[in-house]
């Protein structure tokens, strides 16, 4: 379908090309720009921030969001342990406050947002290990949090989708927690950037191929085929014995084909995987409820699908 008209107008107003800004400047600009697109703050029943020890002892924040039904339910509720996007080097717990509220309301799940450390100050595997520590903590504290350990999913968008997918690989290979589902929103899964969508939407659609390449280089120390499968899950030798997946890709996104190819690989490995393409959407639409009503599709579809997946 055509690019959403309001998003097309937004893209037309963006400056062409990069301006050589420093990473610190890019971080500040990202907060300012995305915050302006998110729309009004969504109400949830309860928000609480916990301090969790990472595998190396570093204190991590995990911010929990209870939607109305989950906050007042007598029985344990489903949950999503969430990793924010931002190319492993941008964004924050605070910037994702409103998207996590929206996801909690749409999914009727308790959302646990993990404040993992960022690259390049903390390259792979630190962000992944931080997120995995948050997942392990959620299972260990299920009773305290009022969540059902049999219905804990992982999720994330973009680089956060990468961390969620990689956490499932870690949990499988380490005999870790029994993750019930993986919700991957336009995930970054393959550092090679050689698929058709990488070329078709390389420029002009908010995320560019060059920016994505920069993010991969910021995240990883190794280059080329030395990059490990836990960093780029598409490189995993096998996807067998992973949790069922819901994968949403954006139509006008250089990463579109990665998510769809990953869903095909999961199904070929015997893992139930449902993938959908969000028509007219671009990368980062989790932040665009204030820009276009059409961005609501990300939440309505992911919310409905994850509710169905965790309903048992």
Protein backbone atom coordinates (compact mmCIF):
# COMPACT_ATOMS: atom_id res chain seq x y z
CA UNK A 1 0.00 0.00 0.00
CA UNK A 2 1.17 3.61 -0.36
CA UNK A 3 3.26 5.24 2.33
CA UNK A 4 1.01 6.66 5.04
CA UNK A 5 0.32 10.29 4.00
CA UNK A 6 1.19 11.84 7.36
CA UNK A 7 4.38 9.84 7.56
CA UNK A 8 5.20 10.86 3.97
CA UNK A 9 4.80 14.52 4.95
CA UNK A 10 7.04 13.94 7.97
CA UNK A 11 9.73 12.33 5.82
CA UNK A 12 9.56 15.19 3.32
CA UNK A 13 10.46 17.66 6.07
CA UNK A 14 13.55 15.79 7.24
CA UNK A 15 16.93 17.20 6.18
CA UNK A 16 18.72 15.24 3.49
CA UNK A 17 21.85 13.32 4.41
CA UNK A 18 23.78 13.20 7.66
CA UNK A 19 25.24 16.22 9.39
CA UNK A 20 28.26 14.56 10.97
CA UNK A 21 26.83 14.94 14.47
CA UNK A 22 28.62 13.30 17.36
CA UNK A 23 27.03 10.33 19.09
CA UNK A 24 26.16 12.53 22.07
CA UNK A 25 24.43 15.00 19.76
CA UNK A 26 22.61 12.15 18.02
CA UNK A 27 21.42 10.82 21.37
CA UNK A 28 20.04 14.20 22.39
CA UNK A 29 18.39 14.74 19.01
CA UNK A 30 16.82 11.26 19.09
CA UNK A 31 15.21 11.94 22.46
CA UNK A 32 13.87 15.31 21.30
CA UNK A 33 12.66 14.10 17.91
CA UNK A 34 10.98 10.85 18.96
CA UNK A 35 9.41 12.31 22.08
CA UNK A 36 7.67 14.88 19.89
CA UNK A 37 6.08 12.13 17.80
CA UNK A 38 4.66 9.96 20.57
CA UNK A 39 1.47 11.81 21.38
CA UNK A 40 -0.24 12.12 24.79
CA UNK A 41 1.02 10.06 27.71
CA UNK A 42 -1.00 6.88 28.09
CA UNK A 43 -2.39 6.04 31.50
CA UNK A 44 -1.63 2.70 33.13
CA UNK A 45 -2.63 1.43 36.54
CA UNK A 46 0.82 1.24 38.06
CA UNK A 47 4.49 1.86 37.24
CA UNK A 48 7.40 0.72 39.40
CA UNK A 49 11.16 0.69 38.85
CA UNK A 50 13.32 -2.10 40.24
CA UNK A 51 17.10 -2.41 40.53
CA UNK A 52 18.43 -5.70 39.18
CA UNK A 53 21.99 -7.02 39.22
CA UNK A 54 23.47 -7.77 35.80
CA UNK A 55 25.68 -10.82 35.35
CA UNK A 56 28.75 -8.70 36.21
CA UNK A 57 27.04 -7.09 39.21
CA UNK A 58 26.21 -3.81 37.48
CA UNK A 59 22.88 -2.38 38.74
CA UNK A 60 20.24 -2.31 36.02
CA UNK A 61 16.88 -0.60 36.13
CA UNK A 62 13.81 -2.60 35.12
CA UNK A 63 10.65 -0.52 34.84
CA UNK A 64 7.37 -2.41 35.16
CA UNK A 65 4.03 -1.28 33.72
CA UNK A 66 0.75 -2.79 34.88
CA UNK A 67 -2.34 -2.18 32.73
CA UNK A 68 -5.62 -1.80 34.57
CA UNK A 69 -6.76 -5.41 34.32
CA UNK A 70 -3.39 -6.89 35.31
CA UNK A 71 -3.01 -4.55 38.27
CA UNK A 72 -6.27 -5.69 39.85
CA UNK A 73 -6.35 -9.36 38.85
CA UNK A 74 -6.31 -11.99 41.57
CA UNK A 75 -4.46 -14.54 39.42
CA UNK A 76 -0.92 -14.25 37.98
CA UNK A 77 -0.81 -12.29 34.73
CA UNK A 78 1.14 -12.67 31.46
CA UNK A 79 4.21 -10.48 30.99
CA UNK A 80 6.56 -9.19 28.30
CA UNK A 81 10.21 -8.50 29.15
CA UNK A 82 10.96 -5.68 26.71
CA UNK A 83 14.16 -4.31 25.12
CA UNK A 84 14.00 -0.87 23.54
CA UNK A 85 15.34 -0.04 20.11
CA UNK A 86 17.90 2.55 19.07
CA UNK A 87 20.67 0.66 17.32
CA UNK A 88 22.15 -0.53 20.64
CA UNK A 89 23.65 2.97 21.04
CA UNK A 90 20.65 5.34 21.25
CA UNK A 91 17.41 5.67 23.22
CA UNK A 92 16.67 4.88 26.84
CA UNK A 93 14.23 3.60 29.41
CA UNK A 94 12.74 7.09 29.64
CA UNK A 95 12.25 7.55 25.90
CA UNK A 96 10.33 4.28 25.77
CA UNK A 97 8.06 5.11 28.69
CA UNK A 98 5.06 5.98 26.53
CA UNK A 99 5.53 3.13 24.01
CA UNK A 100 5.74 0.65 26.90
CA UNK A 101 2.58 2.08 28.39
CA UNK A 102 0.85 1.67 25.03
CA UNK A 103 2.14 -1.89 24.68
CA UNK A 104 0.95 -2.79 28.18
CA UNK A 105 -2.52 -1.44 27.43
CA UNK A 106 -2.74 -3.11 24.02
CA UNK A 107 -1.46 -6.49 25.17
CA UNK A 108 -2.98 -6.47 28.67
CA UNK A 109 0.38 -7.83 29.81
CA UNK A 110 2.72 -6.54 32.49
CA UNK A 111 5.57 -4.96 30.51
CA UNK A 112 9.04 -5.08 32.08
CA UNK A 113 11.38 -2.67 30.27
CA UNK A 114 15.10 -3.40 30.79
CA UNK A 115 17.55 -0.48 30.86
CA UNK A 116 20.48 -2.30 29.27
CA UNK A 117 23.83 -0.55 28.86
CA UNK A 118 24.54 1.05 25.48
CA UNK A 119 27.30 0.73 22.91
CA UNK A 120 29.95 1.84 22.13
CA UNK A 121 30.70 2.32 25.82
CA UNK A 122 29.43 -1.23 26.30
CA UNK A 123 29.70 -3.31 23.16
CA UNK A 124 28.40 -6.81 22.51
CA UNK A 125 27.80 -8.92 24.51
CA UNK A 126 27.09 -6.48 27.36
CA UNK A 127 23.68 -5.18 26.12
CA UNK A 128 22.55 -8.73 25.43
CA UNK A 129 23.78 -10.06 28.78
CA UNK A 130 22.07 -7.15 30.53
CA UNK A 131 18.78 -7.91 28.84
CA UNK A 132 19.12 -11.61 29.54
CA UNK A 133 19.75 -10.80 33.20
CA UNK A 134 16.46 -8.91 33.17
CA UNK A 135 14.71 -11.94 31.71
CA UNK A 136 16.17 -14.28 34.32
CA UNK A 137 15.19 -11.83 37.07
CA UNK A 138 11.60 -11.64 35.82
CA UNK A 139 11.24 -15.40 36.11
CA UNK A 140 12.83 -15.45 39.55
CA UNK A 141 10.53 -12.67 40.80
CA UNK A 142 7.33 -13.82 39.12
CA UNK A 143 5.40 -14.28 42.36
CA UNK A 144 6.48 -10.87 43.68
CA UNK A 145 5.49 -9.22 40.40
CA UNK A 146 2.17 -11.03 40.16
CA UNK A 147 3.06 -12.60 36.81
CA UNK A 148 2.70 -16.14 35.55
CA UNK A 149 6.11 -17.80 34.94
CA UNK A 150 4.48 -19.99 32.29
CA UNK A 151 3.39 -16.88 30.35
CA UNK A 152 6.48 -14.67 30.21
CA UNK A 153 7.41 -13.49 26.71
CA UNK A 154 10.31 -11.41 25.50
CA UNK A 155 9.91 -8.54 23.08
CA UNK A 156 11.56 -5.55 21.55
CA UNK A 157 11.68 -3.28 18.54
CA UNK A 158 14.58 -2.86 16.09
CA UNK A 159 17.81 -3.45 18.06
CA UNK A 160 15.58 -4.45 20.97
CA UNK A 161 14.02 -7.10 18.73
CA UNK A 162 17.54 -8.32 18.11
CA UNK A 163 18.15 -8.61 21.86
CA UNK A 164 14.85 -10.41 22.40
CA UNK A 165 15.61 -12.94 19.65
CA UNK A 166 19.16 -13.44 20.91
CA UNK A 167 17.92 -13.90 24.48
CA UNK A 168 15.82 -16.81 23.23
CA UNK A 169 18.94 -18.38 21.74
CA UNK A 170 20.81 -17.87 25.02
CA UNK A 171 17.99 -19.35 27.08
CA UNK A 172 17.90 -22.41 24.82
CA UNK A 173 21.65 -22.95 24.82
CA UNK A 174 22.13 -22.27 28.54
CA UNK A 175 19.11 -24.28 29.67
CA UNK A 176 17.72 -20.99 30.93
CA UNK A 177 14.15 -19.81 31.57
CA UNK A 178 11.32 -21.29 29.51
CA UNK A 179 10.40 -18.18 27.52
CA UNK A 180 6.83 -18.57 26.29
CA UNK A 181 6.93 -16.34 23.21
CA UNK A 182 9.04 -13.80 21.33
CA UNK A 183 7.50 -10.57 20.03
CA UNK A 184 9.86 -9.06 17.46
CA UNK A 185 8.92 -5.65 16.09
CA UNK A 186 10.81 -4.75 12.89
CA UNK A 187 13.89 -6.51 14.35
CA UNK A 188 17.54 -6.07 13.31
CA UNK A 189 18.76 -9.63 12.82
CA UNK A 190 21.38 -9.72 10.06
CA UNK A 191 24.46 -7.49 9.97
CA UNK A 192 25.20 -8.28 6.31
CA UNK A 193 22.48 -5.87 5.05
CA UNK A 194 22.26 -7.65 1.70
CA UNK A 195 18.51 -8.27 1.35
CA UNK A 196 16.24 -6.64 -1.19
CA UNK A 197 14.67 -4.24 1.32
CA UNK A 198 18.13 -3.00 2.36
CA UNK A 199 18.57 -1.70 -1.18
CA UNK A 200 14.96 -0.69 -1.90
CA UNK A 201 14.65 1.48 1.23
CA UNK A 202 18.28 2.39 1.75
CA UNK A 203 17.53 6.11 1.87
CA UNK A 204 14.58 8.38 2.41
CA UNK A 205 12.56 6.29 4.87
CA UNK A 206 13.87 7.52 8.24
CA UNK A 207 16.20 4.61 9.01
CA UNK A 208 18.83 4.37 6.29
CA UNK A 209 21.08 1.50 5.36
CA UNK A 210 24.14 3.60 6.26
CA UNK A 211 22.76 4.39 9.72
CA UNK A 212 22.05 0.70 10.30
CA UNK A 213 25.59 -0.20 9.24
CA UNK A 214 26.91 2.41 11.69
CA UNK A 215 24.82 0.91 14.47
CA UNK A 216 26.16 -2.58 13.80
CA UNK A 217 29.73 -1.26 13.80
CA UNK A 218 29.05 0.56 17.06
CA UNK A 219 27.64 -2.57 18.69
CA UNK A 220 30.21 -5.12 17.57
CA UNK A 221 33.97 -5.43 17.83
CA UNK A 222 34.38 -8.18 15.25
CA UNK A 223 33.77 -7.56 11.56
CA UNK A 224 32.63 -9.70 8.68
CA UNK A 225 31.96 -13.40 9.19
CA UNK A 226 33.56 -13.32 12.63
CA UNK A 227 30.38 -11.83 14.08
CA UNK A 228 28.72 -14.33 16.42
CA UNK A 229 25.21 -15.70 16.06
CA UNK A 230 24.14 -14.27 19.41
CA UNK A 231 24.87 -10.81 18.00
CA UNK A 232 23.14 -11.44 14.67
CA UNK A 233 20.51 -14.17 15.19
CA UNK A 234 20.07 -14.70 11.44
CA UNK A 235 23.55 -16.25 11.53
CA UNK A 236 22.51 -18.92 14.05
CA UNK A 237 23.26 -22.41 12.80
CA UNK A 238 19.85 -23.66 13.90
CA UNK A 239 16.66 -22.06 15.16
CA UNK A 240 15.23 -25.30 16.51
CA UNK A 241 13.70 -25.43 19.99
CA UNK A 242 13.04 -21.71 20.20
CA UNK A 243 9.84 -20.14 21.55
CA UNK A 244 7.00 -19.40 19.13
CA UNK A 245 7.30 -15.99 17.53
CA UNK A 246 5.22 -13.05 16.41
CA UNK A 247 7.12 -10.81 14.00
CA UNK A 248 5.84 -7.50 12.65
CA UNK A 249 7.72 -5.81 9.82
CA UNK A 250 7.16 -2.34 8.36
CA UNK A 251 6.48 -2.08 4.64
CA UNK A 252 8.90 0.82 4.00
CA UNK A 253 11.82 -0.30 6.15
CA UNK A 254 15.31 -1.46 5.15
CA UNK A 255 14.96 -4.16 7.84
CA UNK A 256 11.65 -5.48 6.49
CA UNK A 257 13.03 -8.56 4.80
CA UNK A 258 15.10 -9.58 7.83
CA UNK A 259 12.05 -10.14 10.01
CA UNK A 260 10.17 -11.97 7.29
CA UNK A 261 13.15 -14.18 6.46
CA UNK A 262 13.61 -14.98 10.15
CA UNK A 263 9.98 -16.07 10.39
CA UNK A 264 10.50 -18.41 7.44
CA UNK A 265 13.62 -19.87 9.06
CA UNK A 266 11.76 -20.40 12.33
CA UNK A 267 8.94 -22.22 10.58
CA UNK A 268 11.43 -24.35 8.65
CA UNK A 269 12.98 -25.31 11.99
CA UNK A 270 9.60 -26.40 13.35
CA UNK A 271 8.96 -23.27 15.44
CA UNK A 272 5.51 -21.68 15.13
CA UNK A 273 6.05 -18.18 13.75
CA UNK A 274 3.46 -15.65 12.62
CA UNK A 275 4.66 -12.64 10.64
CA UNK A 276 2.78 -9.64 9.33
CA UNK A 277 3.72 -6.60 7.30
CA UNK A 278 2.43 -3.24 8.56
CA UNK A 279 1.27 -1.49 5.42
CA UNK A 280 2.37 2.11 4.87
CA UNK A 281 4.62 2.11 7.95
CA UNK A 282 8.29 2.98 8.40
CA UNK A 283 10.93 1.94 10.92
CA UNK A 284 10.38 3.39 14.36
CA UNK A 285 6.59 3.61 14.13
CA UNK A 286 6.33 2.53 17.78
CA UNK A 287 6.99 6.24 18.48
CA UNK A 288 4.53 7.67 15.95
CA UNK A 289 1.10 7.54 17.58
CA UNK A 290 1.18 11.34 17.76
CA UNK A 291 2.16 11.61 14.11
CA UNK A 292 -0.31 9.29 12.42
CA UNK A 293 -3.35 7.34 13.67
CA UNK A 294 -2.24 4.53 11.34
CA UNK A 295 0.71 3.83 13.66
CA UNK A 296 -1.83 2.39 16.11
CA UNK A 297 -1.74 -0.77 13.97
CA UNK A 298 1.58 -1.72 15.55
CA UNK A 299 -0.08 -1.88 18.96
CA UNK A 300 -3.45 -3.30 17.94
CA UNK A 301 -1.91 -6.15 15.97
CA UNK A 302 0.91 -6.97 18.40
CA UNK A 303 -1.49 -6.65 21.33
CA UNK A 304 -4.06 -8.97 19.85
CA UNK A 305 -1.48 -11.52 18.74
CA UNK A 306 0.44 -11.62 22.00
CA UNK A 307 -2.82 -11.89 24.00
CA UNK A 308 -3.76 -14.91 21.92
CA UNK A 309 -0.29 -16.43 22.26
CA UNK A 310 -0.26 -16.07 26.06
CA UNK A 311 -3.92 -16.86 26.69
CA UNK A 312 -3.40 -20.46 27.84
